[in-house]
Amino acid sequence: MQIHNLKRQHKNKKDRLVGRGGKHAKTSGRGGKGQTARAGNKRRPELRDIIKKLPKNRGYQFKSIRKLIVLPEEKLISKKEKFSEIRKRLSIKGRHIVIK
């Protein structure tokens, strides 16, 4: 056997460049030059600064509780009728009932 008769079992494969990001070694998927191409590029979005300046509305208020249902006295069966009974009869869930 001579050298020119030898064949590889596996094809030639180049070693990958480690830690270069992207698929290429030159710009590594970072585009061209400039601020965005550099390491540690963390530019603050302008919208975040606008949001930070707005006041925070604290707490959580249930919208269903704030809605009041005004019932006229004619709809009541008796004056001693409980609110739970009125809710069942009129199928009202989770709202304040005001009788006028």
PDB file of N, CA and C in Angstrom:
ATOM      1  N   MET A   1       0.841  -1.179   0.000  1.00  0.00           N
ATOM      2  CA  MET A   1       0.000   0.000   0.000  1.00  0.00           C
ATOM      3  C   MET A   1       0.883   1.237   0.000  1.00  0.00           C
ATOM      4  N   GLN A   2       0.523   2.192  -0.836  1.00  0.00           N
ATOM      5  CA  GLN A   2       1.286   3.428  -0.911  1.00  0.00           C
ATOM      6  C   GLN A   2       0.428   4.599  -0.425  1.00  0.00           C
ATOM      7  N   ILE A   3       1.053   5.751  -0.214  1.00  0.00           N
ATOM      8  CA  ILE A   3       0.370   6.922   0.355  1.00  0.00           C
ATOM      9  C   ILE A   3      -0.771   7.400  -0.535  1.00  0.00           C
ATOM     10  N   HIS A   4      -0.595   7.366  -1.861  1.00  0.00           N
ATOM     11  CA  HIS A   4      -1.646   7.854  -2.752  1.00  0.00           C
ATOM     12  C   HIS A   4      -2.851   6.917  -2.802  1.00  0.00           C
ATOM     13  N   ASN A   5      -2.764   5.748  -2.252  1.00  0.00           N
ATOM     14  CA  ASN A   5      -3.892   4.819  -2.190  1.00  0.00           C
ATOM     15  C   ASN A   5      -4.724   4.974  -0.904  1.00  0.00           C
ATOM     16  N   LEU A   6      -4.190   5.678   0.063  1.00  0.00           N
ATOM     17  CA  LEU A   6      -4.898   5.826   1.349  1.00  0.00           C
ATOM     18  C   LEU A   6      -6.118   6.729   1.206  1.00  0.00           C
ATOM     19  N   LYS A   7      -7.204   6.377   1.873  1.00  0.00           N
ATOM     20  CA  LYS A   7      -8.415   7.195   1.882  1.00  0.00           C
ATOM     21  C   LYS A   7      -8.890   7.392   3.318  1.00  0.00           C
ATOM     22  N   ARG A   8      -9.458   8.568   3.563  1.00  0.00           N
ATOM     23  CA  ARG A   8     -10.005   8.842   4.898  1.00  0.00           C
ATOM     24  C   ARG A   8     -11.316   8.092   5.090  1.00  0.00           C
ATOM     25  N   GLN A   9     -11.634   7.755   6.339  1.00  0.00           N
ATOM     26  CA  GLN A   9     -12.939   7.166   6.631  1.00  0.00           C
ATOM     27  C   GLN A   9     -14.005   8.255   6.749  1.00  0.00           C
ATOM     28  N   HIS A  10     -13.616   9.420   7.260  1.00  0.00           N
ATOM     29  CA  HIS A  10     -14.538  10.551   7.422  1.00  0.00           C
ATOM     30  C   HIS A  10     -14.062  11.713   6.562  1.00  0.00           C
ATOM     31  N   LYS A  11     -15.018  12.516   6.071  1.00  0.00           N
ATOM     32  CA  LYS A  11     -14.649  13.656   5.231  1.00  0.00           C
ATOM     33  C   LYS A  11     -13.952  14.725   6.054  1.00  0.00           C
ATOM     34  N   ASN A  12     -13.254  15.621   5.344  1.00  0.00           N
ATOM     35  CA  ASN A  12     -12.588  16.747   5.994  1.00  0.00           C
ATOM     36  C   ASN A  12     -13.627  17.670   6.609  1.00  0.00           C
ATOM     37  N   LYS A  13     -13.454  18.059   7.827  1.00  0.00           N
ATOM     38  CA  LYS A  13     -14.389  18.980   8.450  1.00  0.00           C
ATOM     39  C   LYS A  13     -13.586  19.975   9.272  1.00  0.00           C
ATOM     40  N   LYS A  14     -13.836  21.293   9.022  1.00  0.00           N
ATOM     41  CA  LYS A  14     -13.091  22.313   9.751  1.00  0.00           C
ATOM     42  C   LYS A  14     -13.631  22.431  11.167  1.00  0.00           C
ATOM     43  N   ASP A  15     -12.747  22.766  12.088  1.00  0.00           N
ATOM     44  CA  ASP A  15     -13.183  23.002  13.467  1.00  0.00           C
ATOM     45  C   ASP A  15     -13.963  24.299  13.533  1.00  0.00           C
ATOM     46  N   ARG A  16     -15.008  24.304  14.367  1.00  0.00           N
ATOM     47  CA  ARG A  16     -15.813  25.510  14.509  1.00  0.00           C
ATOM     48  C   ARG A  16     -15.094  26.528  15.375  1.00  0.00           C
ATOM     49  N   LEU A  17     -15.262  27.820  15.036  1.00  0.00           N
ATOM     50  CA  LEU A  17     -14.691  28.865  15.877  1.00  0.00           C
ATOM     51  C   LEU A  17     -15.595  29.027  17.089  1.00  0.00           C
ATOM     52  N   VAL A  18     -15.012  28.925  18.257  1.00  0.00           N
ATOM     53  CA  VAL A  18     -15.797  28.907  19.486  1.00  0.00           C
ATOM     54  C   VAL A  18     -16.052  30.328  19.976  1.00  0.00           C
ATOM     55  N   GLY A  19     -17.290  30.581  20.437  1.00  0.00           N
ATOM     56  CA  GLY A  19     -17.618  31.857  21.083  1.00  0.00           C
ATOM     57  C   GLY A  19     -17.669  33.035  20.150  1.00  0.00           C
ATOM     58  N   ARG A  20     -17.962  32.825  18.875  1.00  0.00           N
ATOM     59  CA  ARG A  20     -18.015  33.936  17.936  1.00  0.00           C
ATOM     60  C   ARG A  20     -19.461  34.329  17.603  1.00  0.00           C
ATOM     61  N   GLY A  21     -20.433  33.579  18.065  1.00  0.00           N
ATOM     62  CA  GLY A  21     -21.827  33.899  17.797  1.00  0.00           C
ATOM     63  C   GLY A  21     -22.149  33.773  16.327  1.00  0.00           C
ATOM     64  N   GLY A  22     -23.419  33.832  15.961  1.00  0.00           N
ATOM     65  CA  GLY A  22     -23.819  33.828  14.556  1.00  0.00           C
ATOM     66  C   GLY A  22     -23.286  32.631  13.790  1.00  0.00           C
ATOM     67  N   LYS A  23     -23.278  32.718  12.473  1.00  0.00           N
ATOM     68  CA  LYS A  23     -22.787  31.615  11.647  1.00  0.00           C
ATOM     69  C   LYS A  23     -21.425  31.923  11.054  1.00  0.00           C
ATOM     70  N   HIS A  24     -21.023  33.188  11.080  1.00  0.00           N
ATOM     71  CA  HIS A  24     -19.769  33.587  10.451  1.00  0.00           C
ATOM     72  C   HIS A  24     -18.769  34.027  11.519  1.00  0.00           C
ATOM     73  N   ALA A  25     -17.534  34.057  11.140  1.00  0.00           N
ATOM     74  CA  ALA A  25     -16.510  34.473  12.089  1.00  0.00           C
ATOM     75  C   ALA A  25     -16.232  35.964  12.012  1.00  0.00           C
ATOM     76  N   LYS A  26     -16.467  36.585  10.836  1.00  0.00           N
ATOM     77  CA  LYS A  26     -16.074  37.986  10.667  1.00  0.00           C
ATOM     78  C   LYS A  26     -16.888  38.922  11.560  1.00  0.00           C
ATOM     79  N   THR A  27     -18.170  39.120  11.232  1.00  0.00           N
ATOM     80  CA  THR A  27     -18.976  40.027  12.063  1.00  0.00           C
ATOM     81  C   THR A  27     -19.845  39.257  13.045  1.00  0.00           C
ATOM     82  N   SER A  28     -19.918  37.960  12.902  1.00  0.00           N
ATOM     83  CA  SER A  28     -20.631  37.086  13.821  1.00  0.00           C
ATOM     84  C   SER A  28     -22.091  37.466  14.001  1.00  0.00           C
ATOM     85  N   GLY A  29     -22.745  37.832  12.917  1.00  0.00           N
ATOM     86  CA  GLY A  29     -24.159  38.143  12.980  1.00  0.00           C
ATOM     87  C   GLY A  29     -24.489  39.456  13.645  1.00  0.00           C
ATOM     88  N   ARG A  30     -23.481  40.318  13.853  1.00  0.00           N
ATOM     89  CA  ARG A  30     -23.704  41.596  14.516  1.00  0.00           C
ATOM     90  C   ARG A  30     -23.817  42.754  13.526  1.00  0.00           C
ATOM     91  N   GLY A  31     -23.836  42.484  12.247  1.00  0.00           N
ATOM     92  CA  GLY A  31     -23.934  43.559  11.270  1.00  0.00           C
ATOM     93  C   GLY A  31     -22.591  44.226  11.039  1.00  0.00           C
ATOM     94  N   GLY A  32     -22.620  45.536  10.863  1.00  0.00           N
ATOM     95  CA  GLY A  32     -21.382  46.261  10.565  1.00  0.00           C
ATOM     96  C   GLY A  32     -20.713  46.807  11.798  1.00  0.00           C
ATOM     97  N   LYS A  33     -20.118  48.009  11.657  1.00  0.00           N
ATOM     98  CA  LYS A  33     -19.410  48.634  12.778  1.00  0.00           C
ATOM     99  C   LYS A  33     -20.374  49.444  13.630  1.00  0.00           C
ATOM    100  N   GLY A  34     -19.866  50.023  14.679  1.00  0.00           N
ATOM    101  CA  GLY A  34     -20.669  50.954  15.466  1.00  0.00           C
ATOM    102  C   GLY A  34     -21.008  50.447  16.853  1.00  0.00           C
ATOM    103  N   GLN A  35     -21.859  51.221  17.510  1.00  0.00           N
ATOM    104  CA  GLN A  35     -22.196  50.959  18.914  1.00  0.00           C
ATOM    105  C   GLN A  35     -22.876  49.610  19.092  1.00  0.00           C
ATOM    106  N   THR A  36     -23.756  49.259  18.154  1.00  0.00           N
ATOM    107  CA  THR A  36     -24.500  48.008  18.305  1.00  0.00           C
ATOM    108  C   THR A  36     -23.644  46.775  18.036  1.00  0.00           C
ATOM    109  N   ALA A  37     -22.519  46.943  17.367  1.00  0.00           N
ATOM    110  CA  ALA A  37     -21.649  45.813  17.048  1.00  0.00           C
ATOM    111  C   ALA A  37     -20.721  45.466  18.212  1.00  0.00           C
ATOM    112  N   ARG A  38     -20.602  46.361  19.171  1.00  0.00           N
ATOM    113  CA  ARG A  38     -19.654  46.154  20.273  1.00  0.00           C
ATOM    114  C   ARG A  38     -20.231  45.246  21.349  1.00  0.00           C
ATOM    115  N   ALA A  39     -19.332  44.685  22.140  1.00  0.00           N
ATOM    116  CA  ALA A  39     -19.768  43.868  23.274  1.00  0.00           C
ATOM    117  C   ALA A  39     -20.329  44.787  24.363  1.00  0.00           C
ATOM    118  N   GLY A  40     -21.298  44.288  25.085  1.00  0.00           N
ATOM    119  CA  GLY A  40     -21.895  45.083  26.159  1.00  0.00           C
ATOM    120  C   GLY A  40     -22.822  46.160  25.654  1.00  0.00           C
ATOM    121  N   ASN A  41     -23.385  45.977  24.470  1.00  0.00           N
ATOM    122  CA  ASN A  41     -24.295  46.965  23.897  1.00  0.00           C
ATOM    123  C   ASN A  41     -25.633  46.864  24.601  1.00  0.00           C
ATOM    124  N   LYS A  42     -25.908  47.807  25.496  1.00  0.00           N
ATOM    125  CA  LYS A  42     -27.196  47.851  26.188  1.00  0.00           C
ATOM    126  C   LYS A  42     -27.701  49.274  26.141  1.00  0.00           C
ATOM    127  N   ARG A  43     -28.368  49.620  25.066  1.00  0.00           N
ATOM    128  CA  ARG A  43     -28.931  50.957  24.971  1.00  0.00           C
ATOM    129  C   ARG A  43     -30.327  50.939  25.549  1.00  0.00           C
ATOM    130  N   ARG A  44     -30.649  51.920  26.367  1.00  0.00           N
ATOM    131  CA  ARG A  44     -31.940  51.969  27.049  1.00  0.00           C
ATOM    132  C   ARG A  44     -33.022  52.469  26.088  1.00  0.00           C
ATOM    133  N   PRO A  45     -34.137  51.745  25.959  1.00  0.00           N
ATOM    134  CA  PRO A  45     -35.199  52.200  25.066  1.00  0.00           C
ATOM    135  C   PRO A  45     -35.849  53.484  25.577  1.00  0.00           C
ATOM    136  N   GLU A  46     -36.194  54.383  24.676  1.00  0.00           N
ATOM    137  CA  GLU A  46     -36.795  55.663  25.068  1.00  0.00           C
ATOM    138  C   GLU A  46     -38.168  55.460  25.700  1.00  0.00           C
ATOM    139  N   LEU A  47     -38.906  54.470  25.213  1.00  0.00           N
ATOM    140  CA  LEU A  47     -40.254  54.232  25.733  1.00  0.00           C
ATOM    141  C   LEU A  47     -40.230  53.873  27.206  1.00  0.00           C
ATOM    142  N   ARG A  48     -39.172  53.187  27.653  1.00  0.00           N
ATOM    143  CA  ARG A  48     -39.077  52.799  29.061  1.00  0.00           C
ATOM    144  C   ARG A  48     -38.976  54.036  29.949  1.00  0.00           C
ATOM    145  N   ASP A  49     -38.209  55.040  29.514  1.00  0.00           N
ATOM    146  CA  ASP A  49     -38.086  56.269  30.301  1.00  0.00           C
ATOM    147  C   ASP A  49     -39.427  56.983  30.422  1.00  0.00           C
ATOM    148  N   ILE A  50     -40.221  56.967  29.347  1.00  0.00           N
ATOM    149  CA  ILE A  50     -41.532  57.607  29.382  1.00  0.00           C
ATOM    150  C   ILE A  50     -42.449  56.865  30.353  1.00  0.00           C
ATOM    151  N   ILE A  51     -42.406  55.538  30.318  1.00  0.00           N
ATOM    152  CA  ILE A  51     -43.260  54.730  31.194  1.00  0.00           C
ATOM    153  C   ILE A  51     -42.868  54.945  32.655  1.00  0.00           C
ATOM    154  N   LYS A  52     -41.573  55.043  32.932  1.00  0.00           N
ATOM    155  CA  LYS A  52     -41.097  55.216  34.311  1.00  0.00           C
ATOM    156  C   LYS A  52     -41.576  56.536  34.915  1.00  0.00           C
ATOM    157  N   LYS A  53     -41.777  57.565  34.089  1.00  0.00           N
ATOM    158  CA  LYS A  53     -42.191  58.869  34.594  1.00  0.00           C
ATOM    159  C   LYS A  53     -43.680  58.918  34.948  1.00  0.00           C
ATOM    160  N   LEU A  54     -44.467  57.981  34.413  1.00  0.00           N
ATOM    161  CA  LEU A  54     -45.902  57.975  34.697  1.00  0.00           C
ATOM    162  C   LEU A  54     -46.157  57.502  36.128  1.00  0.00           C
ATOM    163  N   PRO A  55     -47.175  58.058  36.808  1.00  0.00           N
ATOM    164  CA  PRO A  55     -47.451  57.630  38.179  1.00  0.00           C
ATOM    165  C   PRO A  55     -48.054  56.227  38.206  1.00  0.00           C
ATOM    166  N   LYS A  56     -47.780  55.520  39.295  1.00  0.00           N
ATOM    167  CA  LYS A  56     -48.301  54.162  39.447  1.00  0.00           C
ATOM    168  C   LYS A  56     -49.662  54.224  40.116  1.00  0.00           C
ATOM    169  N   ASN A  57     -50.605  53.487  39.590  1.00  0.00           N
ATOM    170  CA  ASN A  57     -51.897  53.350  40.257  1.00  0.00           C
ATOM    171  C   ASN A  57     -51.797  52.140  41.167  1.00  0.00           C
ATOM    172  N   ARG A  58     -51.787  52.388  42.454  1.00  0.00           N
ATOM    173  CA  ARG A  58     -51.562  51.299  43.393  1.00  0.00           C
ATOM    174  C   ARG A  58     -52.852  50.577  43.755  1.00  0.00           C
ATOM    175  N   GLY A  59     -52.723  49.310  44.105  1.00  0.00           N
ATOM    176  CA  GLY A  59     -53.867  48.516  44.535  1.00  0.00           C
ATOM    177  C   GLY A  59     -54.638  47.943  43.363  1.00  0.00           C
ATOM    178  N   TYR A  60     -55.553  47.077  43.695  1.00  0.00           N
ATOM    179  CA  TYR A  60     -56.391  46.455  42.672  1.00  0.00           C
ATOM    180  C   TYR A  60     -57.838  46.620  43.095  1.00  0.00           C
ATOM    181  N   GLN A  61     -58.656  47.089  42.180  1.00  0.00           N
ATOM    182  CA  GLN A  61     -60.059  47.286  42.497  1.00  0.00           C
ATOM    183  C   GLN A  61     -60.877  46.394  41.585  1.00  0.00           C
ATOM    184  N   PHE A  62     -61.793  45.636  42.190  1.00  0.00           N
ATOM    185  CA  PHE A  62     -62.643  44.757  41.418  1.00  0.00           C
ATOM    186  C   PHE A  62     -63.702  45.592  40.720  1.00  0.00           C
ATOM    187  N   LYS A  63     -63.748  45.510  39.410  1.00  0.00           N
ATOM    188  CA  LYS A  63     -64.693  46.315  38.655  1.00  0.00           C
ATOM    189  C   LYS A  63     -66.126  45.862  38.889  1.00  0.00           C
ATOM    190  N   SER A  64     -66.305  44.564  39.151  1.00  0.00           N
ATOM    191  CA  SER A  64     -67.660  44.052  39.354  1.00  0.00           C
ATOM    192  C   SER A  64     -68.258  44.575  40.666  1.00  0.00           C
ATOM    193  N   ILE A  65     -67.433  44.828  41.666  1.00  0.00           N
ATOM    194  CA  ILE A  65     -67.936  45.299  42.958  1.00  0.00           C
ATOM    195  C   ILE A  65     -68.356  46.760  42.868  1.00  0.00           C
ATOM    196  N   ARG A  66     -67.639  47.551  42.083  1.00  0.00           N
ATOM    197  CA  ARG A  66     -67.935  48.978  42.000  1.00  0.00           C
ATOM    198  C   ARG A  66     -69.290  49.275  41.369  1.00  0.00           C
ATOM    199  N   LYS A  67     -69.792  48.376  40.521  1.00  0.00           N
ATOM    200  CA  LYS A  67     -71.074  48.609  39.859  1.00  0.00           C
ATOM    201  C   LYS A  67     -72.208  48.387  40.856  1.00  0.00           C
ATOM    202  N   LEU A  68     -73.040  49.361  40.986  1.00  0.00           N
ATOM    203  CA  LEU A  68     -74.178  49.259  41.897  1.00  0.00           C
ATOM    204  C   LEU A  68     -75.446  48.967  41.116  1.00  0.00           C
ATOM    205  N   ILE A  69     -76.314  48.180  41.724  1.00  0.00           N
ATOM    206  CA  ILE A  69     -77.620  47.929  41.137  1.00  0.00           C
ATOM    207  C   ILE A  69     -78.650  48.615  42.022  1.00  0.00           C
ATOM    208  N   VAL A  70     -79.385  49.551  41.435  1.00  0.00           N
ATOM    209  CA  VAL A  70     -80.415  50.281  42.173  1.00  0.00           C
ATOM    210  C   VAL A  70     -81.746  49.578  41.928  1.00  0.00           C
ATOM    211  N   LEU A  71     -82.335  49.089  43.042  1.00  0.00           N
ATOM    212  CA  LEU A  71     -83.624  48.411  42.956  1.00  0.00           C
ATOM    213  C   LEU A  71     -84.713  49.294  43.551  1.00  0.00           C
ATOM    214  N   PRO A  72     -85.770  49.507  42.824  1.00  0.00           N
ATOM    215  CA  PRO A  72     -86.883  50.235  43.431  1.00  0.00           C
ATOM    216  C   PRO A  72     -87.614  49.326  44.424  1.00  0.00           C
ATOM    217  N   GLU A  73     -88.285  49.950  45.393  1.00  0.00           N
ATOM    218  CA  GLU A  73     -88.951  49.185  46.452  1.00  0.00           C
ATOM    219  C   GLU A  73     -90.105  48.342  45.923  1.00  0.00           C
ATOM    220  N   GLU A  74     -90.621  48.679  44.754  1.00  0.00           N
ATOM    221  CA  GLU A  74     -91.733  47.908  44.194  1.00  0.00           C
ATOM    222  C   GLU A  74     -91.314  46.481  43.825  1.00  0.00           C
ATOM    223  N   LYS A  75     -90.014  46.287  43.510  1.00  0.00           N
ATOM    224  CA  LYS A  75     -89.552  44.962  43.095  1.00  0.00           C
ATOM    225  C   LYS A  75     -89.354  44.022  44.276  1.00  0.00           C
ATOM    226  N   LEU A  76     -89.360  44.539  45.493  1.00  0.00           N
ATOM    227  CA  LEU A  76     -89.190  43.702  46.678  1.00  0.00           C
ATOM    228  C   LEU A  76     -90.503  43.001  47.012  1.00  0.00           C
ATOM    229  N   ILE A  77     -90.373  41.758  47.462  1.00  0.00           N
ATOM    230  CA  ILE A  77     -91.556  41.002  47.895  1.00  0.00           C
ATOM    231  C   ILE A  77     -91.987  41.486  49.276  1.00  0.00           C
ATOM    232  N   SER A  78     -91.015  41.578  50.172  1.00  0.00           N
ATOM    233  CA  SER A  78     -91.283  42.108  51.518  1.00  0.00           C
ATOM    234  C   SER A  78     -90.089  42.947  51.953  1.00  0.00           C
ATOM    235  N   LYS A  79     -90.288  43.773  52.960  1.00  0.00           N
ATOM    236  CA  LYS A  79     -89.201  44.656  53.414  1.00  0.00           C
ATOM    237  C   LYS A  79     -88.128  43.884  54.177  1.00  0.00           C
ATOM    238  N   LYS A  80     -88.462  42.686  54.660  1.00  0.00           N
ATOM    239  CA  LYS A  80     -87.510  41.884  55.433  1.00  0.00           C
ATOM    240  C   LYS A  80     -86.738  40.892  54.550  1.00  0.00           C
ATOM    241  N   GLU A  81     -86.907  40.987  53.252  1.00  0.00           N
ATOM    242  CA  GLU A  81     -86.220  40.072  52.329  1.00  0.00           C
ATOM    243  C   GLU A  81     -84.705  40.318  52.360  1.00  0.00           C
ATOM    244  N   LYS A  82     -83.931  39.249  52.461  1.00  0.00           N
ATOM    245  CA  LYS A  82     -82.472  39.354  52.547  1.00  0.00           C
ATOM    246  C   LYS A  82     -81.877  39.607  51.165  1.00  0.00           C
ATOM    247  N   PHE A  83     -80.660  40.188  51.160  1.00  0.00           N
ATOM    248  CA  PHE A  83     -79.970  40.472  49.906  1.00  0.00           C
ATOM    249  C   PHE A  83     -79.640  39.183  49.149  1.00  0.00           C
ATOM    250  N   SER A  84     -79.303  38.127  49.891  1.00  0.00           N
ATOM    251  CA  SER A  84     -78.996  36.850  49.232  1.00  0.00           C
ATOM    252  C   SER A  84     -80.219  36.301  48.503  1.00  0.00           C
ATOM    253  N   GLU A  85     -81.394  36.482  49.093  1.00  0.00           N
ATOM    254  CA  GLU A  85     -82.629  36.022  48.448  1.00  0.00           C
ATOM    255  C   GLU A  85     -82.941  36.853  47.201  1.00  0.00           C
ATOM    256  N   ILE A  86     -82.674  38.170  47.281  1.00  0.00           N
ATOM    257  CA  ILE A  86     -82.899  39.049  46.130  1.00  0.00           C
ATOM    258  C   ILE A  86     -81.966  38.654  44.983  1.00  0.00           C
ATOM    259  N   ARG A  87     -80.702  38.350  45.338  1.00  0.00           N
ATOM    260  CA  ARG A  87     -79.721  37.946  44.317  1.00  0.00           C
ATOM    261  C   ARG A  87     -80.155  36.670  43.612  1.00  0.00           C
ATOM    262  N   LYS A  88     -80.625  35.698  44.395  1.00  0.00           N
ATOM    263  CA  LYS A  88     -81.061  34.429  43.807  1.00  0.00           C
ATOM    264  C   LYS A  88     -82.271  34.641  42.903  1.00  0.00           C
ATOM    265  N   ARG A  89     -83.215  35.457  43.356  1.00  0.00           N
ATOM    266  CA  ARG A  89     -84.449  35.678  42.606  1.00  0.00           C
ATOM    267  C   ARG A  89     -84.182  36.408  41.290  1.00  0.00           C
ATOM    268  N   LEU A  90     -83.288  37.442  41.333  1.00  0.00           N
ATOM    269  CA  LEU A  90     -83.019  38.250  40.141  1.00  0.00           C
ATOM    270  C   LEU A  90     -81.757  37.792  39.381  1.00  0.00           C
ATOM    271  N   SER A  91     -81.123  36.717  39.867  1.00  0.00           N
ATOM    272  CA  SER A  91     -79.875  36.156  39.309  1.00  0.00           C
ATOM    273  C   SER A  91     -78.804  37.241  39.117  1.00  0.00           C
ATOM    274  N   ILE A  92     -78.445  37.893  40.225  1.00  0.00           N
ATOM    275  CA  ILE A  92     -77.394  38.917  40.257  1.00  0.00           C
ATOM    276  C   ILE A  92     -76.206  38.324  41.000  1.00  0.00           C
ATOM    277  N   LYS A  93     -75.011  38.424  40.410  1.00  0.00           N
ATOM    278  CA  LYS A  93     -73.822  37.867  41.053  1.00  0.00           C
ATOM    279  C   LYS A  93     -72.815  38.960  41.367  1.00  0.00           C
ATOM    280  N   GLY A  94     -72.341  38.977  42.605  1.00  0.00           N
ATOM    281  CA  GLY A  94     -71.221  39.813  43.020  1.00  0.00           C
ATOM    282  C   GLY A  94     -71.359  41.304  42.809  1.00  0.00           C
ATOM    283  N   ARG A  95     -72.517  41.876  43.036  1.00  0.00           N
ATOM    284  CA  ARG A  95     -72.688  43.329  42.907  1.00  0.00           C
ATOM    285  C   ARG A  95     -73.411  43.868  44.128  1.00  0.00           C
ATOM    286  N   HIS A  96     -73.149  45.115  44.430  1.00  0.00           N
ATOM    287  CA  HIS A  96     -73.834  45.772  45.537  1.00  0.00           C
ATOM    288  C   HIS A  96     -75.241  46.155  45.114  1.00  0.00           C
ATOM    289  N   ILE A  97     -76.179  45.897  46.003  1.00  0.00           N
ATOM    290  CA  ILE A  97     -77.572  46.246  45.719  1.00  0.00           C
ATOM    291  C   ILE A  97     -77.964  47.406  46.603  1.00  0.00           C
ATOM    292  N   VAL A  98     -78.514  48.433  45.998  1.00  0.00           N
ATOM    293  CA  VAL A  98     -79.009  49.591  46.726  1.00  0.00           C
ATOM    294  C   VAL A  98     -80.523  49.682  46.491  1.00  0.00           C
ATOM    295  N   ILE A  99     -81.258  49.750  47.586  1.00  0.00           N
ATOM    296  CA  ILE A  99     -82.729  49.815  47.491  1.00  0.00           C
ATOM    297  C   ILE A  99     -83.157  51.268  47.670  1.00  0.00           C
ATOM    298  N   LYS A 100     -83.897  51.775  46.699  1.00  0.00           N
ATOM    299  CA  LYS A 100     -84.397  53.157  46.772  1.00  0.00           C
ATOM    300  C   LYS A 100     -85.860  53.198  46.462  1.00  0.00           C
TER     301      LYS A 100
END
